Amino acid sequence: MGKPVEIKNVLVLGAGKVGATVADMLAEYYGIAVTLADKTAVADRGDPLVRRIQLDVENDQELLRVLAAHEVVINALPFFLAARIATAAQAASLHYFDLTEDVAATRSIRQLAQGARAILMPQCGLAPGVIGMLGAELARQFEDVVDLRMRVGALSRNPTNDLRYNFTWSIDGVINEYCNPCDAIVNGELVSVQPLEGYETFNLDGDSFEAFNTSGGLGTLCETLAGKVQNLDYKTIRYPGHREGMRFLLHDMRLINRRDLLREILEHAVPHTRQDVVILFASASGKRARRFEQETRSARIYGSTLRGTERTAIELTTAAGVCGVFELLLKGQLPEFGFVGQEEIALTDFLATRPGQYYQALGSLG
């Protein structure tokens, strides 16, 4: 691992709900000066720790100029900008973190990390992100892991439409994970499985849910655990009935081939909500001390107030993922440079950070 570092200036790209939460969490827990940048002009609120600026990241000259004034960049922009930002950060030798679920972007960033003089660490949110730490932690509990199952859902608490769903985060992110191939390990082999397949239903604390394959949630965990786990998969949790509605839109209506139109329809018809809950459930089974055993972890996380602003569960859990690894950078508990996968972080180390408080339920057997 590296050594403790002193960071005075952090750049957060993207002043949406998650980006603003990241900026506030950094200010609240570390008292560090944060620059919150967005393409849309935003009025600076006179916050002594969080300064807001306008920045078009597709203007290379302007991006490099702003990066040069900071030591760390946290990218909370849409997934299709991840490779661009990471390339600029690598050229400027800045530590880079992001929240992307996009598999192709992460592969590009991994290539960039070869020869890098700083950390390049994508996928630092909830899933991918903390779920990868949890999966690796469960796998370490067994000498021989047979099944490792990871389930995560960002759900509205009171959906009333036939999709049984309200948007709690990015529409682009949801479309991306519902349309792209998914990584898994089946019978010891790395495979690609289709989104919306692998359908299952289950009960958790008396409530009924469904789950199905979605893309990107495991990050690089499949590669890390290849040869060590017989079966590994990741599925998104939804209320029963949601998957059939999305299958109709994506396949019967063939909107999987017209994603711009799909986005327009969903934006028009499906409400956003700030009344949400994040559910995590993970189970591992295998041989331990010559016995076949199973261990599970679960958590339900709700929104709360941060720096005087009410934040949703998905905003807090996503921001806590990246702010927690930022704290580990400060403590010297990350490598000094190169690519870092989430599963390289011990769950216990993450839970010991200040942002790790949001995930404390994972520290005990579920």
Protein backbone atom coordinates (compact mmCIF):
# COMPACT_ATOMS: atom_id res chain seq x y z
CA MET A 1 0.00 0.00 0.00
CA GLY A 2 0.96 3.65 -0.20
CA LYS A 3 1.60 6.24 2.47
CA PRO A 4 -0.66 8.91 4.00
CA VAL A 5 -1.15 11.91 1.74
CA GLU A 6 -2.31 15.45 2.31
CA ILE A 7 -4.94 16.67 -0.15
CA LYS A 8 -5.91 20.34 -0.25
CA ASN A 9 -7.99 20.63 -3.41
CA VAL A 10 -10.51 18.17 -4.88
CA LEU A 11 -12.35 18.63 -8.16
CA VAL A 12 -15.81 17.04 -8.46
CA LEU A 13 -17.14 16.92 -12.02
CA GLY A 14 -20.91 16.94 -12.33
CA ALA A 15 -23.12 19.08 -10.08
CA GLY A 16 -26.16 16.83 -10.24
CA LYS A 17 -27.68 15.24 -7.15
CA VAL A 18 -24.90 12.67 -6.69
CA GLY A 19 -22.05 15.04 -7.53
CA ALA A 20 -23.39 17.67 -5.13
CA THR A 21 -23.68 15.00 -2.42
CA VAL A 22 -20.07 13.93 -3.01
CA ALA A 23 -18.93 17.54 -2.68
CA ASP A 24 -20.90 18.05 0.54
CA MET A 25 -19.66 14.77 2.02
CA LEU A 26 -16.04 15.72 1.36
CA ALA A 27 -16.59 19.14 2.91
CA GLU A 28 -18.48 17.75 5.91
CA TYR A 29 -16.09 14.95 6.83
CA TYR A 30 -12.69 16.31 5.78
CA GLY A 31 -12.98 20.11 5.67
CA ILE A 32 -11.28 20.06 2.26
CA ALA A 33 -11.76 22.75 -0.38
CA VAL A 34 -13.91 21.29 -3.16
CA THR A 35 -14.53 22.67 -6.63
CA LEU A 36 -17.88 21.48 -8.00
CA ALA A 37 -17.91 21.88 -11.78
CA ASP A 38 -20.72 21.47 -14.28
CA LYS A 39 -21.42 22.35 -17.90
CA THR A 40 -24.54 24.24 -16.85
CA ALA A 41 -23.95 27.60 -15.24
CA VAL A 42 -24.64 27.48 -11.51
CA ALA A 43 -24.58 30.32 -9.04
CA ASP A 44 -21.87 30.06 -6.42
CA ARG A 45 -23.59 29.85 -3.03
CA GLY A 46 -20.84 31.43 -1.02
CA ASP A 47 -20.00 28.11 0.63
CA PRO A 48 -16.52 28.50 2.17
CA LEU A 49 -15.64 24.89 1.27
CA VAL A 50 -17.60 24.12 -1.92
CA ARG A 51 -16.95 26.49 -4.82
CA ARG A 52 -19.12 26.08 -7.93
CA ILE A 53 -17.82 26.76 -11.43
CA GLN A 54 -18.96 26.27 -15.02
CA LEU A 55 -16.84 23.87 -17.08
CA ASP A 56 -17.33 22.13 -20.41
CA VAL A 57 -15.26 18.95 -20.05
CA GLU A 58 -15.35 18.42 -23.82
CA ASN A 59 -13.17 21.51 -24.15
CA ASP A 60 -9.79 19.86 -23.66
CA GLN A 61 -7.90 23.07 -22.98
CA GLU A 62 -10.33 24.22 -20.30
CA LEU A 63 -10.47 20.77 -18.72
CA LEU A 64 -6.69 20.52 -18.42
CA ARG A 65 -6.50 24.04 -17.02
CA VAL A 66 -8.96 23.24 -14.23
CA LEU A 67 -7.41 19.84 -13.50
CA ALA A 68 -4.00 21.46 -13.03
CA ALA A 69 -5.29 23.38 -9.98
CA HIS A 70 -6.31 20.19 -8.12
CA GLU A 71 -4.77 17.02 -6.72
CA VAL A 72 -7.75 14.66 -7.01
CA VAL A 73 -10.64 14.49 -9.49
CA ILE A 74 -13.89 12.66 -8.76
CA ASN A 75 -15.95 12.14 -11.90
CA ALA A 76 -19.73 12.11 -11.31
CA LEU A 77 -20.59 12.74 -14.98
CA PRO A 78 -22.46 10.31 -17.30
CA PHE A 79 -20.64 7.08 -18.12
CA PHE A 80 -19.85 8.04 -21.72
CA LEU A 81 -17.49 10.78 -20.50
CA ALA A 82 -15.47 8.55 -18.17
CA ALA A 83 -12.67 7.61 -20.57
CA ARG A 84 -12.21 11.26 -21.65
CA ILE A 85 -11.88 12.51 -18.06
CA ALA A 86 -9.61 9.65 -17.02
CA THR A 87 -7.30 10.32 -19.99
CA ALA A 88 -6.95 13.97 -19.01
CA ALA A 89 -6.40 13.07 -15.33
CA GLN A 90 -3.72 10.54 -16.25
CA ALA A 91 -1.94 13.15 -18.39
CA ALA A 92 -2.04 15.60 -15.45
CA SER A 93 -0.96 12.91 -12.92
CA LEU A 94 -4.08 13.43 -10.79
CA HIS A 95 -5.66 10.71 -8.68
CA TYR A 96 -8.86 9.78 -10.53
CA PHE A 97 -12.07 8.23 -9.12
CA ASP A 98 -15.43 7.76 -10.80
CA LEU A 99 -18.87 6.15 -10.37
CA THR A 100 -19.33 4.53 -13.77
CA GLU A 101 -21.06 1.20 -14.25
CA ASP A 102 -19.94 1.02 -17.89
CA VAL A 103 -17.77 -2.01 -18.63
CA ALA A 104 -16.16 -0.59 -21.79
CA ALA A 105 -15.17 2.65 -20.02
CA THR A 106 -13.56 0.70 -17.20
CA ARG A 107 -11.53 -1.40 -19.64
CA SER A 108 -10.26 1.78 -21.29
CA ILE A 109 -9.29 3.24 -17.91
CA ARG A 110 -7.47 0.04 -16.99
CA GLN A 111 -5.36 0.40 -20.12
CA LEU A 112 -4.63 4.05 -19.26
CA ALA A 113 -3.38 3.01 -15.82
CA GLN A 114 -0.35 1.25 -17.24
CA GLY A 115 2.54 3.56 -16.45
CA ALA A 116 0.32 6.02 -14.55
CA ARG A 117 1.91 8.11 -11.79
CA ALA A 118 -1.33 8.38 -9.82
CA ILE A 119 -4.32 6.20 -8.98
CA LEU A 120 -6.99 5.45 -11.56
CA MET A 121 -9.94 3.95 -9.68
CA PRO A 122 -13.26 3.71 -11.53
CA GLN A 123 -16.53 2.18 -10.31
CA CYS A 124 -16.41 3.62 -6.77
CA GLY A 125 -20.13 3.91 -6.05
CA LEU A 126 -22.65 1.39 -4.75
CA ALA A 127 -22.79 -1.21 -7.53
CA PRO A 128 -20.21 -1.36 -8.88
CA GLY A 129 -18.32 -0.26 -5.81
CA VAL A 130 -19.14 -1.29 -2.27
CA ILE A 131 -20.86 -4.44 -3.52
CA GLY A 132 -17.49 -5.58 -4.89
CA MET A 133 -15.87 -5.11 -1.48
CA LEU A 134 -18.70 -7.14 0.05
CA GLY A 135 -18.36 -9.93 -2.50
CA ALA A 136 -14.63 -10.23 -1.97
CA GLU A 137 -15.12 -10.20 1.81
CA LEU A 138 -17.65 -13.05 1.66
CA ALA A 139 -15.42 -15.06 -0.68
CA ARG A 140 -12.55 -14.80 1.80
CA GLN A 141 -14.68 -16.56 4.44
CA PHE A 142 -14.46 -19.90 2.61
CA GLU A 143 -11.71 -22.24 1.51
CA ASP A 144 -13.78 -23.23 -1.54
CA VAL A 145 -16.57 -20.94 -2.79
CA VAL A 146 -19.37 -22.63 -4.69
CA ASP A 147 -21.89 -19.79 -5.13
CA LEU A 148 -21.52 -16.03 -4.65
CA ARG A 149 -24.72 -14.08 -5.27
CA MET A 150 -24.85 -10.27 -5.22
CA ARG A 151 -28.19 -8.41 -5.27
CA VAL A 152 -28.71 -4.62 -5.15
CA GLY A 153 -31.75 -2.42 -5.70
CA ALA A 154 -32.32 1.33 -5.61
CA LEU A 155 -36.09 1.36 -5.19
CA SER A 156 -38.83 3.92 -4.81
CA ARG A 157 -40.74 3.32 -1.60
CA ASN A 158 -44.21 3.96 -3.03
CA PRO A 159 -44.44 3.20 -6.78
CA THR A 160 -48.00 3.34 -8.18
CA ASN A 161 -47.50 2.72 -11.92
CA ASP A 162 -47.58 -0.62 -13.75
CA LEU A 163 -43.77 -0.65 -14.01
CA ARG A 164 -43.67 -0.66 -10.20
CA TYR A 165 -40.83 1.82 -10.50
CA ASN A 166 -39.87 5.47 -10.14
CA PHE A 167 -36.48 6.82 -11.13
CA THR A 168 -34.21 7.38 -8.16
CA TRP A 169 -31.07 8.05 -10.22
CA SER A 170 -29.79 8.45 -13.80
CA ILE A 171 -32.10 7.38 -16.64
CA ASP A 172 -29.02 6.89 -18.86
CA GLY A 173 -27.48 4.62 -16.25
CA VAL A 174 -30.62 2.48 -15.98
CA ILE A 175 -30.88 2.10 -19.76
CA ASN A 176 -27.19 1.19 -19.96
CA GLU A 177 -27.45 -1.57 -17.36
CA TYR A 178 -30.70 -2.97 -18.85
CA CYS A 179 -29.32 -3.18 -22.41
CA ASN A 180 -25.67 -4.27 -22.20
CA PRO A 181 -24.24 -7.78 -21.68
CA CYS A 182 -23.46 -8.82 -18.10
CA ASP A 183 -20.40 -10.57 -16.66
CA ALA A 184 -20.77 -13.73 -14.60
CA ILE A 185 -18.97 -16.92 -13.65
CA VAL A 186 -20.84 -20.15 -14.40
CA ASN A 187 -19.37 -23.54 -13.51
CA GLY A 188 -15.96 -21.94 -13.11
CA GLU A 189 -15.99 -20.19 -16.50
CA LEU A 190 -16.11 -16.45 -17.20
CA VAL A 191 -19.20 -15.88 -19.34
CA SER A 192 -21.36 -13.08 -20.71
CA VAL A 193 -25.08 -13.31 -19.93
CA GLN A 194 -27.97 -11.26 -21.20
CA PRO A 195 -29.60 -8.41 -19.24
CA LEU A 196 -33.12 -9.05 -17.89
CA GLU A 197 -32.45 -12.80 -17.94
CA GLY A 198 -31.72 -14.99 -14.89
CA TYR A 199 -35.11 -14.05 -13.45
CA GLU A 200 -35.82 -14.99 -9.84
CA THR A 201 -38.16 -14.03 -7.01
CA PHE A 202 -37.39 -13.95 -3.31
CA ASN A 203 -38.60 -12.66 0.06
CA LEU A 204 -36.56 -10.45 2.35
CA ASP A 205 -37.88 -9.57 5.79
CA GLY A 206 -41.39 -10.44 4.63
CA ASP A 207 -41.34 -8.34 1.44
CA SER A 208 -41.49 -9.81 -2.06
CA PHE A 209 -38.97 -8.85 -4.74
CA GLU A 210 -37.75 -9.97 -8.13
CA ALA A 211 -34.21 -9.85 -9.49
CA PHE A 212 -32.58 -10.24 -12.89
CA ASN A 213 -29.26 -9.77 -14.66
CA THR A 214 -28.06 -6.22 -15.29
CA SER A 215 -24.77 -4.94 -16.64
CA GLY A 216 -21.78 -3.51 -14.80
CA GLY A 217 -22.71 -4.14 -11.18
CA LEU A 218 -19.79 -6.46 -10.45
CA GLY A 219 -17.11 -4.18 -11.83
CA THR A 220 -13.89 -6.23 -12.09
CA LEU A 221 -14.91 -8.79 -9.46
CA CYS A 222 -15.38 -11.62 -11.99
CA GLU A 223 -11.81 -11.22 -13.23
CA THR A 224 -10.46 -11.08 -9.69
CA LEU A 225 -12.32 -14.19 -8.52
CA ALA A 226 -11.88 -16.24 -11.70
CA GLY A 227 -10.61 -19.69 -10.72
CA LYS A 228 -11.65 -19.14 -7.09
CA VAL A 229 -15.45 -19.25 -7.37
CA GLN A 230 -17.61 -21.79 -9.17
CA ASN A 231 -20.61 -19.47 -9.69
CA LEU A 232 -20.82 -15.69 -9.35
CA ASP A 233 -23.56 -13.35 -10.51
CA TYR A 234 -25.04 -9.91 -9.94
CA LYS A 235 -28.72 -9.02 -10.26
CA THR A 236 -30.76 -5.88 -9.76
CA ILE A 237 -33.63 -5.98 -7.26
CA ARG A 238 -37.04 -4.65 -8.30
CA TYR A 239 -40.66 -5.04 -7.22
CA PRO A 240 -42.50 -7.94 -8.93
CA GLY A 241 -43.81 -7.02 -12.38
CA HIS A 242 -41.14 -4.48 -13.31
CA ARG A 243 -39.06 -6.81 -15.47
CA GLU A 244 -42.00 -7.82 -17.68
CA GLY A 245 -42.79 -4.18 -18.37
CA MET A 246 -39.20 -3.46 -19.36
CA ARG A 247 -39.03 -6.59 -21.55
CA PHE A 248 -42.09 -5.32 -23.42
CA LEU A 249 -40.47 -1.93 -24.06
CA LEU A 250 -37.01 -3.23 -24.91
CA HIS A 251 -37.84 -6.31 -26.94
CA ASP A 252 -41.49 -6.39 -28.01
CA MET A 253 -41.37 -2.69 -28.92
CA ARG A 254 -37.73 -3.07 -30.04
CA LEU A 255 -36.64 0.05 -28.21
CA ILE A 256 -33.36 -1.63 -27.30
CA ASN A 257 -32.32 -0.50 -30.79
CA ARG A 258 -33.64 3.04 -30.29
CA ARG A 259 -32.26 4.08 -26.92
CA ASP A 260 -32.77 7.80 -27.50
CA LEU A 261 -36.48 7.17 -28.04
CA LEU A 262 -36.58 4.85 -25.02
CA ARG A 263 -35.04 7.59 -22.91
CA GLU A 264 -37.59 10.11 -24.15
CA ILE A 265 -40.49 7.78 -23.32
CA LEU A 266 -39.19 6.96 -19.85
CA GLU A 267 -38.45 10.63 -19.08
CA HIS A 268 -41.97 11.55 -20.13
CA ALA A 269 -43.87 8.70 -18.44
CA VAL A 270 -41.96 7.48 -15.37
CA PRO A 271 -41.75 9.92 -12.43
CA HIS A 272 -38.62 10.63 -10.46
CA THR A 273 -38.83 10.33 -6.68
CA ARG A 274 -36.78 11.29 -3.67
CA GLN A 275 -38.57 8.77 -1.44
CA ASP A 276 -36.28 5.80 -1.90
CA VAL A 277 -34.58 2.87 -0.22
CA VAL A 278 -31.40 1.03 -1.17
CA ILE A 279 -31.38 -2.72 -0.56
CA LEU A 280 -28.26 -4.87 -0.58
CA PHE A 281 -28.30 -8.63 -0.23
CA ALA A 282 -25.38 -10.99 -0.75
CA SER A 283 -24.87 -14.66 -0.03
CA ALA A 284 -21.94 -17.02 -0.31
CA SER A 285 -21.87 -20.77 0.10
CA GLY A 286 -18.96 -23.17 0.10
CA LYS A 287 -16.67 -25.34 2.14
CA ARG A 288 -15.44 -24.01 5.46
CA ALA A 289 -13.70 -26.26 7.98
CA ARG A 290 -14.84 -29.24 5.85
CA ARG A 291 -18.50 -28.30 6.14
CA PHE A 292 -20.76 -26.90 3.43
CA GLU A 293 -21.98 -23.57 4.85
CA GLN A 294 -23.67 -20.35 3.78
CA GLU A 295 -23.16 -16.79 4.94
CA THR A 296 -25.31 -13.78 4.07
CA ARG A 297 -25.18 -10.02 4.53
CA SER A 298 -28.01 -7.58 3.96
CA ALA A 299 -28.86 -3.93 4.52
CA ARG A 300 -31.65 -1.45 3.91
CA ILE A 301 -30.47 2.14 3.71
CA TYR A 302 -32.66 5.24 3.74
CA GLY A 303 -32.02 8.91 3.05
CA SER A 304 -30.99 11.46 5.65
CA THR A 305 -29.73 15.03 6.01
CA LEU A 306 -26.20 16.08 5.03
CA ARG A 307 -24.98 19.65 5.55
CA GLY A 308 -28.54 20.88 5.95
CA THR A 309 -29.86 19.23 2.78
CA GLU A 310 -32.06 16.16 2.66
CA ARG A 311 -30.32 13.46 0.60
CA THR A 312 -31.81 10.30 -0.84
CA ALA A 313 -30.55 6.80 -0.09
CA ILE A 314 -29.01 6.36 -3.55
CA GLU A 315 -27.26 9.74 -3.32
CA LEU A 316 -25.76 8.91 0.08
CA THR A 317 -24.74 5.33 -0.69
CA THR A 318 -23.16 6.28 -4.02
CA ALA A 319 -21.31 9.27 -2.56
CA ALA A 320 -20.21 7.25 0.46
CA GLY A 321 -18.58 4.68 -1.81
CA VAL A 322 -16.25 7.16 -3.47
CA CYS A 323 -15.71 9.33 -0.38
CA GLY A 324 -14.80 6.26 1.65
CA VAL A 325 -12.03 5.26 -0.75
CA PHE A 326 -10.92 8.90 -0.80
CA GLU A 327 -10.44 8.66 2.98
CA LEU A 328 -8.40 5.48 2.48
CA LEU A 329 -6.20 7.47 0.07
CA LEU A 330 -5.64 10.06 2.79
CA LYS A 331 -4.74 7.32 5.26
CA GLY A 332 -2.29 5.66 2.90
CA GLN A 333 -4.41 2.53 2.57
CA LEU A 334 -4.50 2.61 -1.24
CA PRO A 335 -1.66 1.91 -3.68
CA GLU A 336 0.36 4.95 -4.70
CA PHE A 337 -0.45 4.62 -8.40
CA GLY A 338 -2.01 2.45 -11.09
CA PHE A 339 -5.40 0.81 -11.52
CA VAL A 340 -7.29 -0.10 -8.34
CA GLY A 341 -10.36 -2.34 -8.29
CA GLN A 342 -12.99 -2.01 -5.59
CA GLU A 343 -12.52 -5.58 -4.43
CA GLU A 344 -8.92 -4.75 -3.50
CA ILE A 345 -10.32 -2.74 -0.58
CA ALA A 346 -11.06 -4.70 2.60
CA LEU A 347 -14.68 -4.19 3.59
CA THR A 348 -13.62 -3.69 7.22
CA ASP A 349 -11.29 -0.86 6.19
CA PHE A 350 -14.06 0.83 4.23
CA LEU A 351 -16.58 0.45 7.06
CA ALA A 352 -14.07 2.10 9.41
CA THR A 353 -14.14 5.32 7.33
CA ARG A 354 -16.54 8.13 8.13
CA PRO A 355 -18.65 7.57 5.00
CA GLY A 356 -18.66 3.85 5.81
CA GLN A 357 -21.25 4.60 8.51
CA TYR A 358 -23.99 4.39 5.87
CA TYR A 359 -23.16 0.71 5.33
CA GLN A 360 -22.68 -0.34 8.96
CA ALA A 361 -25.39 -3.02 8.69
CA LEU A 362 -23.03 -4.99 6.41
CA GLY A 363 -20.60 -5.41 9.27
CA SER A 364 -22.78 -8.02 10.95
CA LEU A 365 -24.24 -11.26 9.69
CA GLY A 366 -27.45 -10.62 7.81
